[in-house]
Each structure stands twice: as structure tokens, then as C-alpha cells.
PDB file of all heavy atoms in Angstrom:
ATOM      1  N   ILE A   1     104.654  49.337 -56.010  1.00  0.00           N
ATOM      2  CA  ILE A   1     103.347  49.872 -56.362  1.00  0.00           C
ATOM      3  C   ILE A   1     103.325  49.922 -57.884  1.00  0.00           C
ATOM      4  O   ILE A   1     104.218  50.509 -58.499  1.00  0.00           O
ATOM      5  CB  ILE A   1     103.124  51.279 -55.780  1.00  0.00           C
ATOM      6  CG1 ILE A   1     103.301  51.276 -54.257  1.00  0.00           C
ATOM      7  CG2 ILE A   1     101.747  51.809 -56.175  1.00  0.00           C
ATOM      8  CD1 ILE A   1     102.386  50.319 -53.509  1.00  0.00           C
ATOM      9  N   ILE A   2     102.338  49.283 -58.481  1.00  0.00           N
ATOM     10  CA  ILE A   2     102.221  49.263 -59.936  1.00  0.00           C
ATOM     11  C   ILE A   2     101.161  50.287 -60.322  1.00  0.00           C
ATOM     12  O   ILE A   2      99.969  50.079 -60.114  1.00  0.00           O
ATOM     13  CB  ILE A   2     101.830  47.863 -60.444  1.00  0.00           C
ATOM     14  CG1 ILE A   2     102.813  46.816 -59.921  1.00  0.00           C
ATOM     15  CG2 ILE A   2     101.772  47.849 -61.970  1.00  0.00           C
ATOM     16  CD1 ILE A   2     102.386  45.380 -60.202  1.00  0.00           C
ATOM     17  N   PHE A   3     101.616  51.428 -60.851  1.00  0.00           N
ATOM     18  CA  PHE A   3     100.708  52.484 -61.256  1.00  0.00           C
ATOM     19  C   PHE A   3     100.194  52.208 -62.661  1.00  0.00           C
ATOM     20  O   PHE A   3     100.948  51.793 -63.537  1.00  0.00           O
ATOM     21  CB  PHE A   3     101.408  53.846 -61.222  1.00  0.00           C
ATOM     22  CG  PHE A   3     101.661  54.357 -59.828  1.00  0.00           C
ATOM     23  CD1 PHE A   3     102.941  54.543 -59.361  1.00  0.00           C
ATOM     24  CD2 PHE A   3     100.595  54.661 -58.985  1.00  0.00           C
ATOM     25  CE1 PHE A   3     103.171  55.015 -58.076  1.00  0.00           C
ATOM     26  CE2 PHE A   3     100.809  55.136 -57.701  1.00  0.00           C
ATOM     27  CZ  PHE A   3     102.103  55.311 -57.249  1.00  0.00           C
ATOM     28  N   HIS A   4      98.888  52.441 -62.876  1.00  0.00           N
ATOM     29  CA  HIS A   4      98.242  52.251 -64.176  1.00  0.00           C
ATOM     30  C   HIS A   4      98.179  53.606 -64.873  1.00  0.00           C
ATOM     31  O   HIS A   4      97.543  54.529 -64.371  1.00  0.00           O
ATOM     32  CB  HIS A   4      96.830  51.714 -64.014  1.00  0.00           C
ATOM     33  CG  HIS A   4      96.741  50.490 -63.165  1.00  0.00           C
ATOM     34  ND1 HIS A   4      95.574  49.804 -62.999  1.00  0.00           N
ATOM     35  CD2 HIS A   4      97.667  49.825 -62.432  1.00  0.00           C
ATOM     36  CE1 HIS A   4      95.778  48.772 -62.197  1.00  0.00           C
ATOM     37  NE2 HIS A   4      97.037  48.780 -61.834  1.00  0.00           N
ATOM     38  N   LEU A   5      98.833  53.700 -66.016  1.00  0.00           N
ATOM     39  CA  LEU A   5      98.833  54.934 -66.811  1.00  0.00           C
ATOM     40  C   LEU A   5      98.299  54.595 -68.185  1.00  0.00           C
ATOM     41  O   LEU A   5      98.985  53.944 -68.954  1.00  0.00           O
ATOM     42  CB  LEU A   5     100.250  55.491 -66.985  1.00  0.00           C
ATOM     43  CG  LEU A   5     101.092  55.696 -65.735  1.00  0.00           C
ATOM     44  CD1 LEU A   5     102.513  56.028 -66.122  1.00  0.00           C
ATOM     45  CD2 LEU A   5     100.515  56.821 -64.926  1.00  0.00           C
ATOM     46  N   GLY A   6      97.115  55.007 -68.496  1.00  0.00           N
ATOM     47  CA  GLY A   6      96.585  54.734 -69.833  1.00  0.00           C
ATOM     48  C   GLY A   6      96.757  53.275 -70.209  1.00  0.00           C
ATOM     49  O   GLY A   6      96.180  52.404 -69.594  1.00  0.00           O
ATOM     50  N   GLY A   7      97.623  53.006 -71.176  1.00  0.00           N
ATOM     51  CA  GLY A   7      97.837  51.640 -71.637  1.00  0.00           C
ATOM     52  C   GLY A   7      99.090  50.991 -71.114  1.00  0.00           C
ATOM     53  O   GLY A   7      99.498  49.944 -71.604  1.00  0.00           O
ATOM     54  N   LYS A   8      99.766  51.589 -70.117  1.00  0.00           N
ATOM     55  CA  LYS A   8     100.983  50.965 -69.608  1.00  0.00           C
ATOM     56  C   LYS A   8     101.011  50.975 -68.087  1.00  0.00           C
ATOM     57  O   LYS A   8     100.195  51.620 -67.435  1.00  0.00           O
ATOM     58  CB  LYS A   8     102.229  51.627 -70.189  1.00  0.00           C
ATOM     59  CG  LYS A   8     102.480  53.036 -69.738  1.00  0.00           C
ATOM     60  CD  LYS A   8     103.768  53.562 -70.365  1.00  0.00           C
ATOM     61  CE  LYS A   8     104.164  54.879 -69.744  1.00  0.00           C
ATOM     62  NZ  LYS A   8     105.492  55.289 -70.177  1.00  0.00           N
ATOM     63  N   PHE A   9     101.976  50.252 -67.552  1.00  0.00           N
ATOM     64  CA  PHE A   9     102.136  50.115 -66.115  1.00  0.00           C
ATOM     65  C   PHE A   9     103.544  50.560 -65.730  1.00  0.00           C
ATOM     66  O   PHE A   9     104.497  50.282 -66.436  1.00  0.00           O
ATOM     67  CB  PHE A   9     101.914  48.670 -65.680  1.00  0.00           C
ATOM     68  CG  PHE A   9     100.565  48.150 -66.062  1.00  0.00           C
ATOM     69  CD1 PHE A   9     100.382  47.427 -67.229  1.00  0.00           C
ATOM     70  CD2 PHE A   9      99.462  48.409 -65.270  1.00  0.00           C
ATOM     71  CE1 PHE A   9      99.135  46.962 -67.601  1.00  0.00           C
ATOM     72  CE2 PHE A   9      98.205  47.949 -65.629  1.00  0.00           C
ATOM     73  CZ  PHE A   9      98.047  47.229 -66.799  1.00  0.00           C
ATOM     74  N   VAL A  10     103.648  51.255 -64.592  1.00  0.00           N
ATOM     75  CA  VAL A  10     104.930  51.745 -64.113  1.00  0.00           C
ATOM     76  C   VAL A  10     105.122  51.281 -62.677  1.00  0.00           C
ATOM     77  O   VAL A  10     104.220  51.421 -61.847  1.00  0.00           O
ATOM     78  CB  VAL A  10     104.997  53.293 -64.189  1.00  0.00           C
ATOM     79  CG1 VAL A  10     106.303  53.805 -63.616  1.00  0.00           C
ATOM     80  CG2 VAL A  10     104.822  53.758 -65.627  1.00  0.00           C
ATOM     81  N   CYS A  11     106.291  50.740 -62.389  1.00  0.00           N
ATOM     82  CA  CYS A  11     106.600  50.214 -61.063  1.00  0.00           C
ATOM     83  C   CYS A  11     107.321  51.270 -60.230  1.00  0.00           C
ATOM     84  O   CYS A  11     108.288  51.871 -60.696  1.00  0.00           O
ATOM     85  CB  CYS A  11     107.489  48.982 -61.188  1.00  0.00           C
ATOM     86  SG  CYS A  11     106.732  47.671 -62.174  1.00  0.00           S
ATOM     87  N   ALA A  12     106.850  51.472 -59.007  1.00  0.00           N
ATOM     88  CA  ALA A  12     107.438  52.481 -58.127  1.00  0.00           C
ATOM     89  C   ALA A  12     107.785  51.883 -56.773  1.00  0.00           C
ATOM     90  O   ALA A  12     107.157  50.927 -56.313  1.00  0.00           O
ATOM     91  CB  ALA A  12     106.463  53.638 -57.949  1.00  0.00           C
ATOM     92  N   ASP A  13     108.786  52.477 -56.149  1.00  0.00           N
ATOM     93  CA  ASP A  13     109.226  52.057 -54.822  1.00  0.00           C
ATOM     94  C   ASP A  13     108.173  52.496 -53.803  1.00  0.00           C
ATOM     95  O   ASP A  13     107.890  53.687 -53.666  1.00  0.00           O
ATOM     96  CB  ASP A  13     110.568  52.709 -54.516  1.00  0.00           C
ATOM     97  CG  ASP A  13     111.172  52.272 -53.190  1.00  0.00           C
ATOM     98  OD1 ASP A  13     110.452  51.705 -52.336  1.00  0.00           O
ATOM     99  OD2 ASP A  13     112.377  52.505 -52.999  1.00  0.00           O
ATOM    100  N   PRO A  14     107.588  51.549 -53.068  1.00  0.00           N
ATOM    101  CA  PRO A  14     106.530  51.912 -52.112  1.00  0.00           C
ATOM    102  C   PRO A  14     107.024  52.764 -50.939  1.00  0.00           C
ATOM    103  O   PRO A  14     106.216  53.367 -50.239  1.00  0.00           O
ATOM    104  CB  PRO A  14     105.998  50.559 -51.627  1.00  0.00           C
ATOM    105  CG  PRO A  14     107.068  49.579 -51.926  1.00  0.00           C
ATOM    106  CD  PRO A  14     107.844  50.117 -53.097  1.00  0.00           C
ATOM    107  N   LEU A  15     108.331  52.847 -50.728  1.00  0.00           N
ATOM    108  CA  LEU A  15     108.864  53.616 -49.607  1.00  0.00           C
ATOM    109  C   LEU A  15     109.187  55.060 -49.968  1.00  0.00           C
ATOM    110  O   LEU A  15     109.492  55.861 -49.087  1.00  0.00           O
ATOM    111  CB  LEU A  15     110.117  52.922 -49.054  1.00  0.00           C
ATOM    112  CG  LEU A  15     109.891  51.492 -48.555  1.00  0.00           C
ATOM    113  CD1 LEU A  15     111.199  50.881 -48.085  1.00  0.00           C
ATOM    114  CD2 LEU A  15     108.854  51.464 -47.450  1.00  0.00           C
ATOM    115  N   LYS A  16     109.100  55.410 -51.236  1.00  0.00           N
ATOM    116  CA  LYS A  16     109.397  56.781 -51.659  1.00  0.00           C
ATOM    117  C   LYS A  16     108.222  57.693 -51.313  1.00  0.00           C
ATOM    118  O   LYS A  16     107.061  57.343 -51.524  1.00  0.00           O
ATOM    119  CB  LYS A  16     109.648  56.846 -53.165  1.00  0.00           C
ATOM    120  CG  LYS A  16     110.876  56.099 -53.620  1.00  0.00           C
ATOM    121  CD  LYS A  16     112.106  56.891 -53.290  1.00  0.00           C
ATOM    122  CE  LYS A  16     113.331  56.192 -53.870  1.00  0.00           C
ATOM    123  NZ  LYS A  16     114.540  56.871 -53.536  1.00  0.00           N
ATOM    124  N   PRO A  17     108.513  58.890 -50.792  1.00  0.00           N
ATOM    125  CA  PRO A  17     107.427  59.821 -50.444  1.00  0.00           C
ATOM    126  C   PRO A  17     106.520  60.171 -51.627  1.00  0.00           C
ATOM    127  O   PRO A  17     105.305  60.279 -51.466  1.00  0.00           O
ATOM    128  CB  PRO A  17     108.173  61.058 -49.926  1.00  0.00           C
ATOM    129  CG  PRO A  17     109.494  60.532 -49.446  1.00  0.00           C
ATOM    130  CD  PRO A  17     109.821  59.384 -50.362  1.00  0.00           C
ATOM    131  N   TRP A  18     107.077  60.346 -52.833  1.00  0.00           N
ATOM    132  CA  TRP A  18     106.243  60.706 -53.981  1.00  0.00           C
ATOM    133  C   TRP A  18     105.275  59.585 -54.320  1.00  0.00           C
ATOM    134  O   TRP A  18     104.150  59.854 -54.744  1.00  0.00           O
ATOM    135  CB  TRP A  18     107.088  61.112 -55.189  1.00  0.00           C
ATOM    136  CG  TRP A  18     107.770  59.990 -55.913  1.00  0.00           C
ATOM    137  CD1 TRP A  18     109.057  59.569 -55.741  1.00  0.00           C
ATOM    138  CD2 TRP A  18     107.211  59.148 -56.915  1.00  0.00           C
ATOM    139  NE1 TRP A  18     109.321  58.505 -56.570  1.00  0.00           N
ATOM    140  CE2 TRP A  18     108.211  58.230 -57.307  1.00  0.00           C
ATOM    141  CE3 TRP A  18     105.967  59.068 -57.526  1.00  0.00           C
ATOM    142  CZ2 TRP A  18     107.996  57.254 -58.267  1.00  0.00           C
ATOM    143  CZ3 TRP A  18     105.755  58.084 -58.487  1.00  0.00           C
ATOM    144  CH2 TRP A  18     106.773  57.200 -58.851  1.00  0.00           C
ATOM    145  N   THR A  19     105.693  58.329 -54.127  1.00  0.00           N
ATOM    146  CA  THR A  19     104.809  57.193 -54.391  1.00  0.00           C
ATOM    147  C   THR A  19     103.614  57.232 -53.452  1.00  0.00           C
ATOM    148  O   THR A  19     102.467  57.056 -53.881  1.00  0.00           O
ATOM    149  CB  THR A  19     105.571  55.863 -54.222  1.00  0.00           C
ATOM    150  OG1 THR A  19     106.712  55.851 -55.093  1.00  0.00           O
ATOM    151  CG2 THR A  19     104.698  54.673 -54.524  1.00  0.00           C
ATOM    152  N   MET A  20     103.883  57.498 -52.177  1.00  0.00           N
ATOM    153  CA  MET A  20     102.800  57.569 -51.193  1.00  0.00           C
ATOM    154  C   MET A  20     101.856  58.731 -51.486  1.00  0.00           C
ATOM    155  O   MET A  20     100.647  58.596 -51.320  1.00  0.00           O
ATOM    156  CB  MET A  20     103.390  57.671 -49.790  1.00  0.00           C
ATOM    157  CG  MET A  20     104.090  56.397 -49.349  1.00  0.00           C
ATOM    158  SD  MET A  20     104.693  56.540 -47.677  1.00  0.00           S
ATOM    159  CE  MET A  20     106.413  56.161 -47.919  1.00  0.00           C
ATOM    160  N   ARG A  21     102.409  59.862 -51.954  1.00  0.00           N
ATOM    161  CA  ARG A  21     101.566  61.012 -52.304  1.00  0.00           C
ATOM    162  C   ARG A  21     100.636  60.675 -53.471  1.00  0.00           C
ATOM    163  O   ARG A  21      99.454  61.026 -53.453  1.00  0.00           O
ATOM    164  CB  ARG A  21     102.429  62.226 -52.668  1.00  0.00           C
ATOM    165  CG  ARG A  21     102.921  63.019 -51.494  1.00  0.00           C
ATOM    166  CD  ARG A  21     103.481  64.374 -51.906  1.00  0.00           C
ATOM    167  NE  ARG A  21     104.527  64.298 -52.913  1.00  0.00           N
ATOM    168  CZ  ARG A  21     105.826  64.127 -52.654  1.00  0.00           C
ATOM    169  NH1 ARG A  21     106.237  64.027 -51.400  1.00  0.00           N
ATOM    170  NH2 ARG A  21     106.702  64.078 -53.637  1.00  0.00           N
ATOM    171  N   VAL A  22     101.164  60.003 -54.489  1.00  0.00           N
ATOM    172  CA  VAL A  22     100.340  59.656 -55.650  1.00  0.00           C
ATOM    173  C   VAL A  22      99.261  58.656 -55.245  1.00  0.00           C
ATOM    174  O   VAL A  22      98.104  58.777 -55.661  1.00  0.00           O
ATOM    175  CB  VAL A  22     101.205  59.124 -56.816  1.00  0.00           C
ATOM    176  CG1 VAL A  22     100.335  58.586 -57.942  1.00  0.00           C
ATOM    177  CG2 VAL A  22     102.127  60.210 -57.336  1.00  0.00           C
ATOM    178  N   MET A  23      99.605  57.687 -54.404  1.00  0.00           N
ATOM    179  CA  MET A  23      98.601  56.724 -53.932  1.00  0.00           C
ATOM    180  C   MET A  23      97.492  57.450 -53.171  1.00  0.00           C
ATOM    181  O   MET A  23      96.305  57.168 -53.376  1.00  0.00           O
ATOM    182  CB  MET A  23      99.248  55.670 -53.029  1.00  0.00           C
ATOM    183  CG  MET A  23     100.147  54.704 -53.759  1.00  0.00           C
ATOM    184  SD  MET A  23     101.063  53.620 -52.637  1.00  0.00           S
ATOM    185  CE  MET A  23      99.745  52.730 -51.853  1.00  0.00           C
ATOM    186  N   LYS A  24      97.861  58.389 -52.299  1.00  0.00           N
ATOM    187  CA  LYS A  24      96.875  59.153 -51.530  1.00  0.00           C
ATOM    188  C   LYS A  24      95.982  59.960 -52.467  1.00  0.00           C
ATOM    189  O   LYS A  24      94.755  59.992 -52.301  1.00  0.00           O
ATOM    190  CB  LYS A  24      97.585  60.070 -50.543  1.00  0.00           C
ATOM    191  CG  LYS A  24      96.651  60.863 -49.675  1.00  0.00           C
ATOM    192  CD  LYS A  24      97.416  61.745 -48.703  1.00  0.00           C
ATOM    193  CE  LYS A  24      96.448  62.571 -47.890  1.00  0.00           C
ATOM    194  NZ  LYS A  24      97.132  63.525 -47.031  1.00  0.00           N
ATOM    195  N   CYS A  25      96.571  60.569 -53.466  1.00  0.00           N
ATOM    196  CA  CYS A  25      95.815  61.363 -54.431  1.00  0.00           C
ATOM    197  C   CYS A  25      94.809  60.491 -55.190  1.00  0.00           C
ATOM    198  O   CYS A  25      93.652  60.868 -55.353  1.00  0.00           O
ATOM    199  CB  CYS A  25      96.785  62.028 -55.405  1.00  0.00           C
ATOM    200  SG  CYS A  25      95.997  62.946 -56.725  1.00  0.00           S
ATOM    201  N   VAL A  26      95.241  59.326 -55.628  1.00  0.00           N
ATOM    202  CA  VAL A  26      94.351  58.404 -56.349  1.00  0.00           C
ATOM    203  C   VAL A  26      93.224  57.947 -55.424  1.00  0.00           C
ATOM    204  O   VAL A  26      92.055  57.903 -55.829  1.00  0.00           O
ATOM    205  CB  VAL A  26      95.136  57.200 -56.910  1.00  0.00           C
ATOM    206  CG1 VAL A  26      94.198  56.116 -57.447  1.00  0.00           C
ATOM    207  CG2 VAL A  26      96.104  57.649 -58.003  1.00  0.00           C
ATOM    208  N   ASN A  27      93.539  57.634 -54.166  1.00  0.00           N
ATOM    209  CA  ASN A  27      92.512  57.211 -53.212  1.00  0.00           C
ATOM    210  C   ASN A  27      91.481  58.310 -52.981  1.00  0.00           C
ATOM    211  O   ASN A  27      90.277  58.040 -52.916  1.00  0.00           O
ATOM    212  CB  ASN A  27      93.151  56.807 -51.880  1.00  0.00           C
ATOM    213  CG  ASN A  27      93.966  55.534 -51.992  1.00  0.00           C
ATOM    214  OD1 ASN A  27      93.795  54.744 -52.924  1.00  0.00           O
ATOM    215  ND2 ASN A  27      94.875  55.339 -51.058  1.00  0.00           N
ATOM    216  N   GLU A  28      91.942  59.554 -52.861  1.00  0.00           N
ATOM    217  CA  GLU A  28      91.020  60.679 -52.651  1.00  0.00           C
ATOM    218  C   GLU A  28      90.119  60.876 -53.877  1.00  0.00           C
ATOM    219  O   GLU A  28      88.936  61.155 -53.741  1.00  0.00           O
ATOM    220  CB  GLU A  28      91.802  61.952 -52.328  1.00  0.00           C
ATOM    221  CG  GLU A  28      92.434  61.918 -50.953  1.00  0.00           C
ATOM    222  CD  GLU A  28      93.392  63.072 -50.686  1.00  0.00           C
ATOM    223  OE1 GLU A  28      93.678  63.861 -51.619  1.00  0.00           O
ATOM    224  OE2 GLU A  28      93.863  63.176 -49.540  1.00  0.00           O
ATOM    225  N   ARG A  29      90.697  60.733 -55.061  1.00  0.00           N
ATOM    226  CA  ARG A  29      89.912  60.869 -56.291  1.00  0.00           C
ATOM    227  C   ARG A  29      88.846  59.780 -56.357  1.00  0.00           C
ATOM    228  O   ARG A  29      87.691  60.043 -56.694  1.00  0.00           O
ATOM    229  CB  ARG A  29      90.826  60.785 -57.512  1.00  0.00           C
ATOM    230  CG  ARG A  29      90.074  61.063 -58.798  1.00  0.00           C
ATOM    231  CD  ARG A  29      90.895  60.914 -60.075  1.00  0.00           C
ATOM    232  NE  ARG A  29      92.295  61.207 -59.945  1.00  0.00           N
ATOM    233  CZ  ARG A  29      93.264  60.424 -60.452  1.00  0.00           C
ATOM    234  NH1 ARG A  29      92.982  59.332 -61.121  1.00  0.00           N
ATOM    235  NH2 ARG A  29      94.533  60.750 -60.297  1.00  0.00           N
ATOM    236  N   ARG A  30      89.217  58.546 -56.008  1.00  0.00           N
ATOM    237  CA  ARG A  30      88.237  57.441 -55.991  1.00  0.00           C
ATOM    238  C   ARG A  30      87.111  57.731 -55.014  1.00  0.00           C
ATOM    239  O   ARG A  30      85.944  57.484 -55.306  1.00  0.00           O
ATOM    240  CB  ARG A  30      88.931  56.130 -55.603  1.00  0.00           C
ATOM    241  CG  ARG A  30      89.770  55.525 -56.683  1.00  0.00           C
ATOM    242  CD  ARG A  30      90.411  54.253 -56.184  1.00  0.00           C
ATOM    243  NE  ARG A  30      91.241  53.634 -57.198  1.00  0.00           N
ATOM    244  CZ  ARG A  30      92.156  52.732 -56.948  1.00  0.00           C
ATOM    245  NH1 ARG A  30      92.383  52.319 -55.711  1.00  0.00           N
ATOM    246  NH2 ARG A  30      92.873  52.212 -57.924  1.00  0.00           N
ATOM    247  N   LYS A  31      87.477  58.260 -53.841  1.00  0.00           N
ATOM    248  CA  LYS A  31      86.470  58.559 -52.822  1.00  0.00           C
ATOM    249  C   LYS A  31      85.515  59.650 -53.312  1.00  0.00           C
ATOM    250  O   LYS A  31      84.299  59.519 -53.162  1.00  0.00           O
ATOM    251  CB  LYS A  31      87.158  58.996 -51.528  1.00  0.00           C
ATOM    252  CG  LYS A  31      86.214  59.229 -50.385  1.00  0.00           C
ATOM    253  CD  LYS A  31      86.964  59.608 -49.128  1.00  0.00           C
ATOM    254  CE  LYS A  31      85.986  59.910 -48.020  1.00  0.00           C
ATOM    255  NZ  LYS A  31      86.659  60.353 -46.796  1.00  0.00           N
ATOM    256  N   ARG A  32      86.059  60.714 -53.914  1.00  0.00           N
ATOM    257  CA  ARG A  32      85.215  61.786 -54.454  1.00  0.00           C
ATOM    258  C   ARG A  32      84.280  61.254 -55.530  1.00  0.00           C
ATOM    259  O   ARG A  32      83.093  61.587 -55.556  1.00  0.00           O
ATOM    260  CB  ARG A  32      86.076  62.915 -55.038  1.00  0.00           C
ATOM    261  CG  ARG A  32      86.600  63.893 -54.033  1.00  0.00           C
ATOM    262  CD  ARG A  32      87.180  65.142 -54.696  1.00  0.00           C
ATOM    263  NE  ARG A  32      88.090  64.879 -55.804  1.00  0.00           N
ATOM    264  CZ  ARG A  32      89.408  64.709 -55.696  1.00  0.00           C
ATOM    265  NH1 ARG A  32      89.977  64.760 -54.512  1.00  0.00           N
ATOM    266  NH2 ARG A  32      90.150  64.492 -56.762  1.00  0.00           N
ATOM    267  N   ASN A  33      84.807  60.435 -56.423  1.00  0.00           N
ATOM    268  CA  ASN A  33      83.978  59.863 -57.493  1.00  0.00           C
ATOM    269  C   ASN A  33      82.876  58.976 -56.921  1.00  0.00           C
ATOM    270  O   ASN A  33      81.741  59.012 -57.399  1.00  0.00           O
ATOM    271  CB  ASN A  33      84.835  59.067 -58.477  1.00  0.00           C
ATOM    272  CG  ASN A  33      85.718  59.957 -59.325  1.00  0.00           C
ATOM    273  OD1 ASN A  33      85.502  61.148 -59.419  1.00  0.00           O
ATOM    274  ND2 ASN A  33      86.731  59.360 -59.927  1.00  0.00           N
ATOM    275  N   ALA A  34      83.192  58.200 -55.893  1.00  0.00           N
ATOM    276  CA  ALA A  34      82.184  57.335 -55.274  1.00  0.00           C
ATOM    277  C   ALA A  34      81.099  58.176 -54.611  1.00  0.00           C
ATOM    278  O   ALA A  34      79.912  57.852 -54.696  1.00  0.00           O
ATOM    279  CB  ALA A  34      82.847  56.401 -54.258  1.00  0.00           C
ATOM    280  N   GLU A  35      81.515  59.272 -53.951  1.00  0.00           N
ATOM    281  CA  GLU A  35      80.536  60.157 -53.309  1.00  0.00           C
ATOM    282  C   GLU A  35      79.633  60.819 -54.348  1.00  0.00           C
ATOM    283  O   GLU A  35      78.434  60.935 -54.147  1.00  0.00           O
ATOM    284  CB  GLU A  35      81.249  61.212 -52.469  1.00  0.00           C
ATOM    285  CG  GLU A  35      81.874  60.662 -51.207  1.00  0.00           C
ATOM    286  CD  GLU A  35      82.752  61.658 -50.483  1.00  0.00           C
ATOM    287  OE1 GLU A  35      82.978  62.790 -51.011  1.00  0.00           O
ATOM    288  OE2 GLU A  35      83.247  61.321 -49.393  1.00  0.00           O
ATOM    289  N   GLN A  36      80.216  61.234 -55.461  1.00  0.00           N
ATOM    290  CA  GLN A  36      79.430  61.851 -56.521  1.00  0.00           C
ATOM    291  C   GLN A  36      78.440  60.857 -57.103  1.00  0.00           C
ATOM    292  O   GLN A  36      77.298  61.202 -57.390  1.00  0.00           O
ATOM    293  CB  GLN A  36      80.337  62.396 -57.624  1.00  0.00           C
ATOM    294  CG  GLN A  36      81.095  63.628 -57.211  1.00  0.00           C
ATOM    295  CD  GLN A  36      82.083  64.089 -58.278  1.00  0.00           C
ATOM    296  OE1 GLN A  36      82.331  63.390 -59.255  1.00  0.00           O
ATOM    297  NE2 GLN A  36      82.660  65.258 -58.074  1.00  0.00           N
ATOM    298  N   MET A  37      78.853  59.636 -57.268  1.00  0.00           N
ATOM    299  CA  MET A  37      77.952  58.598 -57.795  1.00  0.00           C
ATOM    300  C   MET A  37      76.817  58.345 -56.804  1.00  0.00           C
ATOM    301  O   MET A  37      75.687  58.142 -57.201  1.00  0.00           O
ATOM    302  CB  MET A  37      78.713  57.296 -58.065  1.00  0.00           C
ATOM    303  CG  MET A  37      79.704  57.395 -59.224  1.00  0.00           C
ATOM    304  SD  MET A  37      78.923  57.861 -60.771  1.00  0.00           S
ATOM    305  CE  MET A  37      78.009  56.403 -61.132  1.00  0.00           C
ATOM    306  N   GLY A  38      77.122  58.405 -55.504  1.00  0.00           N
ATOM    307  CA  GLY A  38      76.094  58.232 -54.481  1.00  0.00           C
ATOM    308  C   GLY A  38      75.059  59.345 -54.528  1.00  0.00           C
ATOM    309  O   GLY A  38      73.864  59.105 -54.397  1.00  0.00           O
TER     310      GLY A  38
END
């Protein structure tokens, strides 16, 4: 999983629980932002 942080990229193991938590958090934030835009 290549996480985008400001001006750099960080590679994470997709099987690590923390990686999955961060992906879920980013997905939820995207969904909230899309709903707000709607």
C-alpha cells in the first residue's frame, strides 16, 4: 500500500493491521467529504 503524505510516499505491508486501519480511515474520510459535497 503506497500511502501519500504531503510531498512523499510511504510503502506499507498490506497485511499489517495498522495498514488496514489507515486505509479504512482514509476511505471513511473520502466518503464523508463526498457526502458533504453532495
